[in-house]
């Protein structure tokens, strides 16, 4: 209750900004020549 500004930043602006770059970064690994192999499909199945 004494750092409301920090808490608000952590649960709004900061996590939202990080989510944008995190999502784009995860999407970058969907590139065909790396993603479409047996081990990757095995990981998806095990997941």
ModelCIF file with pLDDT and N, C-alpha, C, O atoms, coordinates in Angstrom:
data_MODEL
#
_entry.id   MODEL 
#
_entity.id                         1 
_entity.type                       polymer 
_entity.pdbx_number_of_molecules   1 
#
_entity_poly.entity_id                      1 
_entity_poly.type                           'polypeptide(L)' 
_entity_poly.nstd_linkage                   no 
_entity_poly.nstd_monomer                   no 
_entity_poly.pdbx_seq_one_letter_code       
;(UNK)(UNK)(UNK)(UNK)(UNK)(UNK)(UNK)(UNK)(UNK)(UNK)(UNK)(UNK)(UNK)(UNK)(UNK)(UNK)
(UNK)(UNK)(UNK)(UNK)(UNK)(UNK)(UNK)(UNK)(UNK)(UNK)(UNK)(UNK)(UNK)(UNK)(UNK)(UNK)
(UNK)(UNK)(UNK)(UNK)(UNK)(UNK)(UNK)(UNK)(UNK)(UNK)(UNK)(UNK)(UNK)(UNK)(UNK)
;
_entity_poly.pdbx_seq_one_letter_code_can   XXXXXXXXXXXXXXXXXXXXXXXXXXXXXXXXXXXXXXXXXXXXXXX 
_entity_poly.pdbx_strand_id                 A 
#
loop_
_entity_poly_seq.entity_id 
_entity_poly_seq.num 
_entity_poly_seq.mon_id 
_entity_poly_seq.hetero 
1 1  UNK n 
1 2  UNK n 
1 3  UNK n 
1 4  UNK n 
1 5  UNK n 
1 6  UNK n 
1 7  UNK n 
1 8  UNK n 
1 9  UNK n 
1 10 UNK n 
1 11 UNK n 
1 12 UNK n 
1 13 UNK n 
1 14 UNK n 
1 15 UNK n 
1 16 UNK n 
1 17 UNK n 
1 18 UNK n 
1 19 UNK n 
1 20 UNK n 
1 21 UNK n 
1 22 UNK n 
1 23 UNK n 
1 24 UNK n 
1 25 UNK n 
1 26 UNK n 
1 27 UNK n 
1 28 UNK n 
1 29 UNK n 
1 30 UNK n 
1 31 UNK n 
1 32 UNK n 
1 33 UNK n 
1 34 UNK n 
1 35 UNK n 
1 36 UNK n 
1 37 UNK n 
1 38 UNK n 
1 39 UNK n 
1 40 UNK n 
1 41 UNK n 
1 42 UNK n 
1 43 UNK n 
1 44 UNK n 
1 45 UNK n 
1 46 UNK n 
1 47 UNK n 
#
_struct_asym.id          A 
_struct_asym.entity_id   1 
#
loop_
_ma_qa_metric.id 
_ma_qa_metric.mode 
_ma_qa_metric.name 
_ma_qa_metric.software_group_id 
_ma_qa_metric.type 
1 global pLDDT . pLDDT 
2 local  pLDDT . pLDDT 
#
_ma_qa_metric_global.metric_id      1 
_ma_qa_metric_global.metric_value   89.17 
_ma_qa_metric_global.model_id       1 
_ma_qa_metric_global.ordinal_id     1 
#
loop_
_ma_qa_metric_local.label_asym_id 
_ma_qa_metric_local.label_comp_id 
_ma_qa_metric_local.label_seq_id 
_ma_qa_metric_local.metric_id 
_ma_qa_metric_local.metric_value 
_ma_qa_metric_local.model_id 
_ma_qa_metric_local.ordinal_id 
A UNK 1  2 90.00 1 1  
A UNK 2  2 94.00 1 2  
A UNK 3  2 94.00 1 3  
A UNK 4  2 94.00 1 4  
A UNK 5  2 95.00 1 5  
A UNK 6  2 96.00 1 6  
A UNK 7  2 96.00 1 7  
A UNK 8  2 96.00 1 8  
A UNK 9  2 96.00 1 9  
A UNK 10 2 96.00 1 10 
A UNK 11 2 93.00 1 11 
A UNK 12 2 94.00 1 12 
A UNK 13 2 94.00 1 13 
A UNK 14 2 96.00 1 14 
A UNK 15 2 95.00 1 15 
A UNK 16 2 95.00 1 16 
A UNK 17 2 95.00 1 17 
A UNK 18 2 95.00 1 18 
A UNK 19 2 93.00 1 19 
A UNK 20 2 95.00 1 20 
A UNK 21 2 93.00 1 21 
A UNK 22 2 90.00 1 22 
A UNK 23 2 90.00 1 23 
A UNK 24 2 93.00 1 24 
A UNK 25 2 90.00 1 25 
A UNK 26 2 87.00 1 26 
A UNK 27 2 89.00 1 27 
A UNK 28 2 90.00 1 28 
A UNK 29 2 86.00 1 29 
A UNK 30 2 87.00 1 30 
A UNK 31 2 88.00 1 31 
A UNK 32 2 87.00 1 32 
A UNK 33 2 82.00 1 33 
A UNK 34 2 80.00 1 34 
A UNK 35 2 82.00 1 35 
A UNK 36 2 79.00 1 36 
A UNK 37 2 80.00 1 37 
A UNK 38 2 80.00 1 38 
A UNK 39 2 79.00 1 39 
A UNK 40 2 82.00 1 40 
A UNK 41 2 81.00 1 41 
A UNK 42 2 83.00 1 42 
A UNK 43 2 85.00 1 43 
A UNK 44 2 84.00 1 44 
A UNK 45 2 85.00 1 45 
A UNK 46 2 84.00 1 46 
A UNK 47 2 83.00 1 47 
#
loop_
_atom_site.group_PDB 
_atom_site.id 
_atom_site.type_symbol 
_atom_site.label_atom_id 
_atom_site.label_alt_id 
_atom_site.label_comp_id 
_atom_site.label_asym_id 
_atom_site.label_entity_id 
_atom_site.label_seq_id 
_atom_site.pdbx_PDB_ins_code 
_atom_site.Cartn_x 
_atom_site.Cartn_y 
_atom_site.Cartn_z 
_atom_site.occupancy 
_atom_site.B_iso_or_equiv 
_atom_site.pdbx_formal_charge 
_atom_site.auth_seq_id 
_atom_site.auth_comp_id 
_atom_site.auth_asym_id 
_atom_site.auth_atom_id 
_atom_site.pdbx_PDB_model_num 
ATOM 1   N N  . UNK A 1 1  ? 0.768  -1.241  0.000   1.00 90.00 ? 1  UNK A N  1 
ATOM 2   C CA . UNK A 1 1  ? 0.000  0.000   0.000   1.00 90.00 ? 1  UNK A CA 1 
ATOM 3   C C  . UNK A 1 1  ? 0.795  1.285   0.000   1.00 90.00 ? 1  UNK A C  1 
ATOM 4   O O  . UNK A 1 1  ? 0.203  2.360   0.102   1.00 90.00 ? 1  UNK A O  1 
ATOM 5   N N  . UNK A 1 2  ? 2.127  1.223   -0.111  1.00 94.00 ? 2  UNK A N  1 
ATOM 6   C CA . UNK A 1 2  ? 2.941  2.443   -0.056  1.00 94.00 ? 2  UNK A CA 1 
ATOM 7   C C  . UNK A 1 2  ? 3.663  2.731   -1.368  1.00 94.00 ? 2  UNK A C  1 
ATOM 8   O O  . UNK A 1 2  ? 4.338  3.753   -1.493  1.00 94.00 ? 2  UNK A O  1 
ATOM 9   N N  . UNK A 1 3  ? 3.527  1.837   -2.348  1.00 94.00 ? 3  UNK A N  1 
ATOM 10  C CA . UNK A 1 3  ? 4.167  2.048   -3.654  1.00 94.00 ? 3  UNK A CA 1 
ATOM 11  C C  . UNK A 1 3  ? 3.133  1.813   -4.767  1.00 94.00 ? 3  UNK A C  1 
ATOM 12  O O  . UNK A 1 3  ? 3.358  1.031   -5.691  1.00 94.00 ? 3  UNK A O  1 
ATOM 13  N N  . UNK A 1 4  ? 2.012  2.504   -4.653  1.00 94.00 ? 4  UNK A N  1 
ATOM 14  C CA . UNK A 1 4  ? 0.927  2.304   -5.609  1.00 94.00 ? 4  UNK A CA 1 
ATOM 15  C C  . UNK A 1 4  ? 1.349  2.607   -7.044  1.00 94.00 ? 4  UNK A C  1 
ATOM 16  O O  . UNK A 1 4  ? 0.918  1.930   -7.977  1.00 94.00 ? 4  UNK A O  1 
ATOM 17  N N  . UNK A 1 5  ? 2.193  3.624   -7.220  1.00 95.00 ? 5  UNK A N  1 
ATOM 18  C CA . UNK A 1 5  ? 2.642  3.975   -8.573  1.00 95.00 ? 5  UNK A CA 1 
ATOM 19  C C  . UNK A 1 5  ? 3.467  2.843   -9.179  1.00 95.00 ? 5  UNK A C  1 
ATOM 20  O O  . UNK A 1 5  ? 3.304  2.516   -10.355 1.00 95.00 ? 5  UNK A O  1 
ATOM 21  N N  . UNK A 1 6  ? 4.349  2.245   -8.381  1.00 96.00 ? 6  UNK A N  1 
ATOM 22  C CA . UNK A 1 6  ? 5.160  1.133   -8.876  1.00 96.00 ? 6  UNK A CA 1 
ATOM 23  C C  . UNK A 1 6  ? 4.289  -0.082  -9.183  1.00 96.00 ? 6  UNK A C  1 
ATOM 24  O O  . UNK A 1 6  ? 4.477  -0.754  -10.198 1.00 96.00 ? 6  UNK A O  1 
ATOM 25  N N  . UNK A 1 7  ? 3.336  -0.354  -8.296  1.00 96.00 ? 7  UNK A N  1 
ATOM 26  C CA . UNK A 1 7  ? 2.424  -1.475  -8.502  1.00 96.00 ? 7  UNK A CA 1 
ATOM 27  C C  . UNK A 1 7  ? 1.597  -1.286  -9.768  1.00 96.00 ? 7  UNK A C  1 
ATOM 28  O O  . UNK A 1 7  ? 1.420  -2.217  -10.553 1.00 96.00 ? 7  UNK A O  1 
ATOM 29  N N  . UNK A 1 8  ? 1.093  -0.067  -9.954  1.00 96.00 ? 8  UNK A N  1 
ATOM 30  C CA . UNK A 1 8  ? 0.296  0.226   -11.148 1.00 96.00 ? 8  UNK A CA 1 
ATOM 31  C C  . UNK A 1 8  ? 1.123  0.053   -12.416 1.00 96.00 ? 8  UNK A C  1 
ATOM 32  O O  . UNK A 1 8  ? 0.632  -0.483  -13.410 1.00 96.00 ? 8  UNK A O  1 
ATOM 33  N N  . UNK A 1 9  ? 2.374  0.502   -12.389 1.00 96.00 ? 9  UNK A N  1 
ATOM 34  C CA . UNK A 1 9  ? 3.252  0.346   -13.554 1.00 96.00 ? 9  UNK A CA 1 
ATOM 35  C C  . UNK A 1 9  ? 3.520  -1.121  -13.852 1.00 96.00 ? 9  UNK A C  1 
ATOM 36  O O  . UNK A 1 9  ? 3.471  -1.545  -15.007 1.00 96.00 ? 9  UNK A O  1 
ATOM 37  N N  . UNK A 1 10 ? 3.802  -1.895  -12.809 1.00 96.00 ? 10 UNK A N  1 
ATOM 38  C CA . UNK A 1 10 ? 4.113  -3.313  -12.981 1.00 96.00 ? 10 UNK A CA 1 
ATOM 39  C C  . UNK A 1 10 ? 2.949  -4.093  -13.561 1.00 96.00 ? 10 UNK A C  1 
ATOM 40  O O  . UNK A 1 10 ? 3.152  -4.963  -14.407 1.00 96.00 ? 10 UNK A O  1 
ATOM 41  N N  . UNK A 1 11 ? 1.716  -3.796  -13.117 1.00 93.00 ? 11 UNK A N  1 
ATOM 42  C CA . UNK A 1 11 ? 0.562  -4.576  -13.559 1.00 93.00 ? 11 UNK A CA 1 
ATOM 43  C C  . UNK A 1 11 ? -0.143 -4.001  -14.779 1.00 93.00 ? 11 UNK A C  1 
ATOM 44  O O  . UNK A 1 11 ? -1.123 -4.573  -15.257 1.00 93.00 ? 11 UNK A O  1 
ATOM 45  N N  . UNK A 1 12 ? 0.349  -2.870  -15.287 1.00 94.00 ? 12 UNK A N  1 
ATOM 46  C CA . UNK A 1 12 ? -0.266 -2.276  -16.477 1.00 94.00 ? 12 UNK A CA 1 
ATOM 47  C C  . UNK A 1 12 ? 0.774  -1.994  -17.566 1.00 94.00 ? 12 UNK A C  1 
ATOM 48  O O  . UNK A 1 12 ? 1.027  -2.840  -18.423 1.00 94.00 ? 12 UNK A O  1 
ATOM 49  N N  . UNK A 1 13 ? 1.372  -0.803  -17.525 1.00 94.00 ? 13 UNK A N  1 
ATOM 50  C CA . UNK A 1 13 ? 2.248  -0.382  -18.618 1.00 94.00 ? 13 UNK A CA 1 
ATOM 51  C C  . UNK A 1 13 ? 3.413  -1.334  -18.860 1.00 94.00 ? 13 UNK A C  1 
ATOM 52  O O  . UNK A 1 13 ? 3.673  -1.725  -19.998 1.00 94.00 ? 13 UNK A O  1 
ATOM 53  N N  . UNK A 1 14 ? 4.113  -1.708  -17.794 1.00 96.00 ? 14 UNK A N  1 
ATOM 54  C CA . UNK A 1 14 ? 5.325  -2.514  -17.948 1.00 96.00 ? 14 UNK A CA 1 
ATOM 55  C C  . UNK A 1 14 ? 5.015  -3.908  -18.476 1.00 96.00 ? 14 UNK A C  1 
ATOM 56  O O  . UNK A 1 14 ? 5.676  -4.378  -19.402 1.00 96.00 ? 14 UNK A O  1 
ATOM 57  N N  . UNK A 1 15 ? 4.012  -4.579  -17.897 1.00 95.00 ? 15 UNK A N  1 
ATOM 58  C CA . UNK A 1 15 ? 3.695  -5.929  -18.349 1.00 95.00 ? 15 UNK A CA 1 
ATOM 59  C C  . UNK A 1 15 ? 3.110  -5.900  -19.756 1.00 95.00 ? 15 UNK A C  1 
ATOM 60  O O  . UNK A 1 15 ? 3.321  -6.837  -20.527 1.00 95.00 ? 15 UNK A O  1 
ATOM 61  N N  . UNK A 1 16 ? 2.374  -4.837  -20.108 1.00 95.00 ? 16 UNK A N  1 
ATOM 62  C CA . UNK A 1 16 ? 1.816  -4.736  -21.454 1.00 95.00 ? 16 UNK A CA 1 
ATOM 63  C C  . UNK A 1 16 ? 2.909  -4.556  -22.498 1.00 95.00 ? 16 UNK A C  1 
ATOM 64  O O  . UNK A 1 16 ? 2.883  -5.200  -23.547 1.00 95.00 ? 16 UNK A O  1 
ATOM 65  N N  . UNK A 1 17 ? 3.862  -3.685  -22.213 1.00 95.00 ? 17 UNK A N  1 
ATOM 66  C CA . UNK A 1 17 ? 4.983  -3.469  -23.135 1.00 95.00 ? 17 UNK A CA 1 
ATOM 67  C C  . UNK A 1 17 ? 5.785  -4.760  -23.308 1.00 95.00 ? 17 UNK A C  1 
ATOM 68  O O  . UNK A 1 17 ? 6.139  -5.140  -24.425 1.00 95.00 ? 17 UNK A O  1 
ATOM 69  N N  . UNK A 1 18 ? 6.063  -5.420  -22.196 1.00 95.00 ? 18 UNK A N  1 
ATOM 70  C CA . UNK A 1 18 ? 6.824  -6.667  -22.253 1.00 95.00 ? 18 UNK A CA 1 
ATOM 71  C C  . UNK A 1 18 ? 6.077  -7.742  -23.027 1.00 95.00 ? 18 UNK A C  1 
ATOM 72  O O  . UNK A 1 18 ? 6.686  -8.515  -23.767 1.00 95.00 ? 18 UNK A O  1 
ATOM 73  N N  . UNK A 1 19 ? 4.742  -7.795  -22.857 1.00 93.00 ? 19 UNK A N  1 
ATOM 74  C CA . UNK A 1 19 ? 3.929  -8.787  -23.562 1.00 93.00 ? 19 UNK A CA 1 
ATOM 75  C C  . UNK A 1 19 ? 3.997  -8.598  -25.074 1.00 93.00 ? 19 UNK A C  1 
ATOM 76  O O  . UNK A 1 19 ? 4.023  -9.577  -25.821 1.00 93.00 ? 19 UNK A O  1 
ATOM 77  N N  . UNK A 1 20 ? 4.026  -7.343  -25.530 1.00 95.00 ? 20 UNK A N  1 
ATOM 78  C CA . UNK A 1 20 ? 4.128  -7.069  -26.966 1.00 95.00 ? 20 UNK A CA 1 
ATOM 79  C C  . UNK A 1 20 ? 5.400  -7.682  -27.539 1.00 95.00 ? 20 UNK A C  1 
ATOM 80  O O  . UNK A 1 20 ? 5.358  -8.430  -28.515 1.00 95.00 ? 20 UNK A O  1 
ATOM 81  N N  . UNK A 1 21 ? 6.525  -7.355  -26.922 1.00 93.00 ? 21 UNK A N  1 
ATOM 82  C CA . UNK A 1 21 ? 7.804  -7.851  -27.438 1.00 93.00 ? 21 UNK A CA 1 
ATOM 83  C C  . UNK A 1 21 ? 7.964  -9.351  -27.218 1.00 93.00 ? 21 UNK A C  1 
ATOM 84  O O  . UNK A 1 21 ? 8.564  -10.044 -28.039 1.00 93.00 ? 21 UNK A O  1 
ATOM 85  N N  . UNK A 1 22 ? 7.425  -9.851  -26.108 1.00 90.00 ? 22 UNK A N  1 
ATOM 86  C CA . UNK A 1 22 ? 7.482  -11.287 -25.847 1.00 90.00 ? 22 UNK A CA 1 
ATOM 87  C C  . UNK A 1 22 ? 6.674  -12.050 -26.898 1.00 90.00 ? 22 UNK A C  1 
ATOM 88  O O  . UNK A 1 22 ? 7.136  -13.062 -27.425 1.00 90.00 ? 22 UNK A O  1 
ATOM 89  N N  . UNK A 1 23 ? 5.459  -11.562 -27.203 1.00 90.00 ? 23 UNK A N  1 
ATOM 90  C CA . UNK A 1 23 ? 4.617  -12.227 -28.190 1.00 90.00 ? 23 UNK A CA 1 
ATOM 91  C C  . UNK A 1 23 ? 5.240  -12.234 -29.575 1.00 90.00 ? 23 UNK A C  1 
ATOM 92  O O  . UNK A 1 23 ? 5.239  -13.260 -30.255 1.00 90.00 ? 23 UNK A O  1 
ATOM 93  N N  . UNK A 1 24 ? 5.777  -11.083 -29.999 1.00 93.00 ? 24 UNK A N  1 
ATOM 94  C CA . UNK A 1 24 ? 6.446  -11.020 -31.302 1.00 93.00 ? 24 UNK A CA 1 
ATOM 95  C C  . UNK A 1 24 ? 7.666  -11.940 -31.338 1.00 93.00 ? 24 UNK A C  1 
ATOM 96  O O  . UNK A 1 24 ? 7.945  -12.571 -32.357 1.00 93.00 ? 24 UNK A O  1 
ATOM 97  N N  . UNK A 1 25 ? 8.388  -12.011 -30.223 1.00 90.00 ? 25 UNK A N  1 
ATOM 98  C CA . UNK A 1 25 ? 9.575  -12.871 -30.152 1.00 90.00 ? 25 UNK A CA 1 
ATOM 99  C C  . UNK A 1 25 ? 9.203  -14.339 -30.248 1.00 90.00 ? 25 UNK A C  1 
ATOM 100 O O  . UNK A 1 25 ? 9.872  -15.110 -30.936 1.00 90.00 ? 25 UNK A O  1 
ATOM 101 N N  . UNK A 1 26 ? 8.130  -14.732 -29.556 1.00 87.00 ? 26 UNK A N  1 
ATOM 102 C CA . UNK A 1 26 ? 7.658  -16.111 -29.649 1.00 87.00 ? 26 UNK A CA 1 
ATOM 103 C C  . UNK A 1 26 ? 7.205  -16.408 -31.079 1.00 87.00 ? 26 UNK A C  1 
ATOM 104 O O  . UNK A 1 26 ? 7.507  -17.469 -31.625 1.00 87.00 ? 26 UNK A O  1 
ATOM 105 N N  . UNK A 1 27 ? 6.480  -15.466 -31.679 1.00 89.00 ? 27 UNK A N  1 
ATOM 106 C CA . UNK A 1 27 ? 6.044  -15.642 -33.062 1.00 89.00 ? 27 UNK A CA 1 
ATOM 107 C C  . UNK A 1 27 ? 7.195  -15.790 -34.035 1.00 89.00 ? 27 UNK A C  1 
ATOM 108 O O  . UNK A 1 27 ? 7.068  -16.468 -35.055 1.00 89.00 ? 27 UNK A O  1 
ATOM 109 N N  . UNK A 1 28 ? 8.327  -15.155 -33.726 1.00 90.00 ? 28 UNK A N  1 
ATOM 110 C CA . UNK A 1 28 ? 9.491  -15.259 -34.617 1.00 90.00 ? 28 UNK A CA 1 
ATOM 111 C C  . UNK A 1 28 ? 9.998  -16.683 -34.732 1.00 90.00 ? 28 UNK A C  1 
ATOM 112 O O  . UNK A 1 28 ? 10.662 -17.027 -35.710 1.00 90.00 ? 28 UNK A O  1 
ATOM 113 N N  . UNK A 1 29 ? 9.698  -17.510 -33.754 1.00 86.00 ? 29 UNK A N  1 
ATOM 114 C CA . UNK A 1 29 ? 10.154 -18.890 -33.769 1.00 86.00 ? 29 UNK A CA 1 
ATOM 115 C C  . UNK A 1 29 ? 9.220  -19.817 -34.555 1.00 86.00 ? 29 UNK A C  1 
ATOM 116 O O  . UNK A 1 29 ? 9.428  -21.030 -34.609 1.00 86.00 ? 29 UNK A O  1 
ATOM 117 N N  . UNK A 1 30 ? 8.196  -19.224 -35.158 1.00 87.00 ? 30 UNK A N  1 
ATOM 118 C CA . UNK A 1 30 ? 7.318  -19.995 -36.039 1.00 87.00 ? 30 UNK A CA 1 
ATOM 119 C C  . UNK A 1 30 ? 7.855  -20.049 -37.467 1.00 87.00 ? 30 UNK A C  1 
ATOM 120 O O  . UNK A 1 30 ? 7.150  -20.491 -38.375 1.00 87.00 ? 30 UNK A O  1 
ATOM 121 N N  . UNK A 1 31 ? 9.074  -19.611 -37.672 1.00 88.00 ? 31 UNK A N  1 
ATOM 122 C CA . UNK A 1 31 ? 9.670  -19.628 -39.012 1.00 88.00 ? 31 UNK A CA 1 
ATOM 123 C C  . UNK A 1 31 ? 9.745  -21.072 -39.513 1.00 88.00 ? 31 UNK A C  1 
ATOM 124 O O  . UNK A 1 31 ? 10.138 -21.975 -38.775 1.00 88.00 ? 31 UNK A O  1 
ATOM 125 N N  . UNK A 1 32 ? 9.366  -21.276 -40.765 1.00 87.00 ? 32 UNK A N  1 
ATOM 126 C CA . UNK A 1 32 ? 9.102  -22.622 -41.292 1.00 87.00 ? 32 UNK A CA 1 
ATOM 127 C C  . UNK A 1 32 ? 10.293 -23.566 -41.190 1.00 87.00 ? 32 UNK A C  1 
ATOM 128 O O  . UNK A 1 32 ? 10.140 -24.700 -40.736 1.00 87.00 ? 32 UNK A O  1 
ATOM 129 N N  . UNK A 1 33 ? 11.482 -23.117 -41.605 1.00 82.00 ? 33 UNK A N  1 
ATOM 130 C CA . UNK A 1 33 ? 12.618 -24.045 -41.686 1.00 82.00 ? 33 UNK A CA 1 
ATOM 131 C C  . UNK A 1 33 ? 13.126 -24.493 -40.319 1.00 82.00 ? 33 UNK A C  1 
ATOM 132 O O  . UNK A 1 33 ? 13.883 -25.459 -40.230 1.00 82.00 ? 33 UNK A O  1 
ATOM 133 N N  . UNK A 1 34 ? 12.724 -23.811 -39.268 1.00 80.00 ? 34 UNK A N  1 
ATOM 134 C CA . UNK A 1 34 ? 13.123 -24.218 -37.920 1.00 80.00 ? 34 UNK A CA 1 
ATOM 135 C C  . UNK A 1 34 ? 11.989 -24.900 -37.169 1.00 80.00 ? 34 UNK A C  1 
ATOM 136 O O  . UNK A 1 34 ? 12.227 -25.778 -36.339 1.00 80.00 ? 34 UNK A O  1 
ATOM 137 N N  . UNK A 1 35 ? 10.772 -24.502 -37.456 1.00 82.00 ? 35 UNK A N  1 
ATOM 138 C CA . UNK A 1 35 ? 9.633  -24.999 -36.694 1.00 82.00 ? 35 UNK A CA 1 
ATOM 139 C C  . UNK A 1 35 ? 9.132  -26.342 -37.203 1.00 82.00 ? 35 UNK A C  1 
ATOM 140 O O  . UNK A 1 35 ? 8.740  -27.198 -36.410 1.00 82.00 ? 35 UNK A O  1 
ATOM 141 N N  . UNK A 1 36 ? 9.140  -26.533 -38.505 1.00 79.00 ? 36 UNK A N  1 
ATOM 142 C CA . UNK A 1 36 ? 8.575  -27.745 -39.084 1.00 79.00 ? 36 UNK A CA 1 
ATOM 143 C C  . UNK A 1 36 ? 9.597  -28.869 -39.129 1.00 79.00 ? 36 UNK A C  1 
ATOM 144 O O  . UNK A 1 36 ? 10.106 -29.205 -40.198 1.00 79.00 ? 36 UNK A O  1 
ATOM 145 N N  . UNK A 1 37 ? 9.894  -29.441 -37.995 1.00 80.00 ? 37 UNK A N  1 
ATOM 146 C CA . UNK A 1 37 ? 10.731 -30.633 -37.931 1.00 80.00 ? 37 UNK A CA 1 
ATOM 147 C C  . UNK A 1 37 ? 10.162 -31.594 -36.901 1.00 80.00 ? 37 UNK A C  1 
ATOM 148 O O  . UNK A 1 37 ? 9.242  -31.240 -36.164 1.00 80.00 ? 37 UNK A O  1 
ATOM 149 N N  . UNK A 1 38 ? 10.693 -32.789 -36.845 1.00 80.00 ? 38 UNK A N  1 
ATOM 150 C CA . UNK A 1 38 ? 10.130 -33.855 -36.027 1.00 80.00 ? 38 UNK A CA 1 
ATOM 151 C C  . UNK A 1 38 ? 10.167 -33.497 -34.541 1.00 80.00 ? 38 UNK A C  1 
ATOM 152 O O  . UNK A 1 38 ? 9.190  -33.704 -33.821 1.00 80.00 ? 38 UNK A O  1 
ATOM 153 N N  . UNK A 1 39 ? 11.305 -32.959 -34.086 1.00 79.00 ? 39 UNK A N  1 
ATOM 154 C CA . UNK A 1 39 ? 11.442 -32.642 -32.666 1.00 79.00 ? 39 UNK A CA 1 
ATOM 155 C C  . UNK A 1 39 ? 10.447 -31.569 -32.227 1.00 79.00 ? 39 UNK A C  1 
ATOM 156 O O  . UNK A 1 39 ? 9.877  -31.653 -31.140 1.00 79.00 ? 39 UNK A O  1 
ATOM 157 N N  . UNK A 1 40 ? 10.241 -30.559 -33.080 1.00 82.00 ? 40 UNK A N  1 
ATOM 158 C CA . UNK A 1 40 ? 9.295  -29.500 -32.733 1.00 82.00 ? 40 UNK A CA 1 
ATOM 159 C C  . UNK A 1 40 ? 7.880  -30.049 -32.632 1.00 82.00 ? 40 UNK A C  1 
ATOM 160 O O  . UNK A 1 40 ? 7.144  -29.733 -31.697 1.00 82.00 ? 40 UNK A O  1 
ATOM 161 N N  . UNK A 1 41 ? 7.511  -30.869 -33.597 1.00 81.00 ? 41 UNK A N  1 
ATOM 162 C CA . UNK A 1 41 ? 6.187  -31.477 -33.554 1.00 81.00 ? 41 UNK A CA 1 
ATOM 163 C C  . UNK A 1 41 ? 6.052  -32.400 -32.343 1.00 81.00 ? 41 UNK A C  1 
ATOM 164 O O  . UNK A 1 41 ? 4.980  -32.497 -31.745 1.00 81.00 ? 41 UNK A O  1 
ATOM 165 N N  . UNK A 1 42 ? 7.151  -33.080 -31.984 1.00 83.00 ? 42 UNK A N  1 
ATOM 166 C CA . UNK A 1 42 ? 7.147  -33.910 -30.780 1.00 83.00 ? 42 UNK A CA 1 
ATOM 167 C C  . UNK A 1 42 ? 6.941  -33.084 -29.520 1.00 83.00 ? 42 UNK A C  1 
ATOM 168 O O  . UNK A 1 42 ? 6.225  -33.500 -28.609 1.00 83.00 ? 42 UNK A O  1 
ATOM 169 N N  . UNK A 1 43 ? 7.573  -31.908 -29.468 1.00 85.00 ? 43 UNK A N  1 
ATOM 170 C CA . UNK A 1 43 ? 7.414  -31.002 -28.329 1.00 85.00 ? 43 UNK A CA 1 
ATOM 171 C C  . UNK A 1 43 ? 5.967  -30.532 -28.218 1.00 85.00 ? 43 UNK A C  1 
ATOM 172 O O  . UNK A 1 43 ? 5.412  -30.486 -27.120 1.00 85.00 ? 43 UNK A O  1 
ATOM 173 N N  . UNK A 1 44 ? 5.354  -30.182 -29.352 1.00 84.00 ? 44 UNK A N  1 
ATOM 174 C CA . UNK A 1 44 ? 3.956  -29.765 -29.349 1.00 84.00 ? 44 UNK A CA 1 
ATOM 175 C C  . UNK A 1 44 ? 3.046  -30.891 -28.862 1.00 84.00 ? 44 UNK A C  1 
ATOM 176 O O  . UNK A 1 44 ? 2.111  -30.660 -28.096 1.00 84.00 ? 44 UNK A O  1 
ATOM 177 N N  . UNK A 1 45 ? 3.336  -32.124 -29.320 1.00 85.00 ? 45 UNK A N  1 
ATOM 178 C CA . UNK A 1 45 ? 2.543  -33.272 -28.893 1.00 85.00 ? 45 UNK A CA 1 
ATOM 179 C C  . UNK A 1 45 ? 2.683  -33.550 -27.401 1.00 85.00 ? 45 UNK A C  1 
ATOM 180 O O  . UNK A 1 45 ? 1.695  -33.785 -26.705 1.00 85.00 ? 45 UNK A O  1 
ATOM 181 N N  . UNK A 1 46 ? 3.934  -33.519 -26.915 1.00 84.00 ? 46 UNK A N  1 
ATOM 182 C CA . UNK A 1 46 ? 4.171  -33.743 -25.490 1.00 84.00 ? 46 UNK A CA 1 
ATOM 183 C C  . UNK A 1 46 ? 3.551  -32.622 -24.652 1.00 84.00 ? 46 UNK A C  1 
ATOM 184 O O  . UNK A 1 46 ? 3.059  -32.862 -23.550 1.00 84.00 ? 46 UNK A O  1 
ATOM 185 N N  . UNK A 1 47 ? 3.579  -31.407 -25.181 1.00 83.00 ? 47 UNK A N  1 
ATOM 186 C CA . UNK A 1 47 ? 3.018  -30.273 -24.460 1.00 83.00 ? 47 UNK A CA 1 
ATOM 187 C C  . UNK A 1 47 ? 1.531  -30.405 -24.215 1.00 83.00 ? 47 UNK A C  1 
ATOM 188 O O  . UNK A 1 47 ? 0.923  -29.519 -23.616 1.00 83.00 ? 47 UNK A O  1 
#
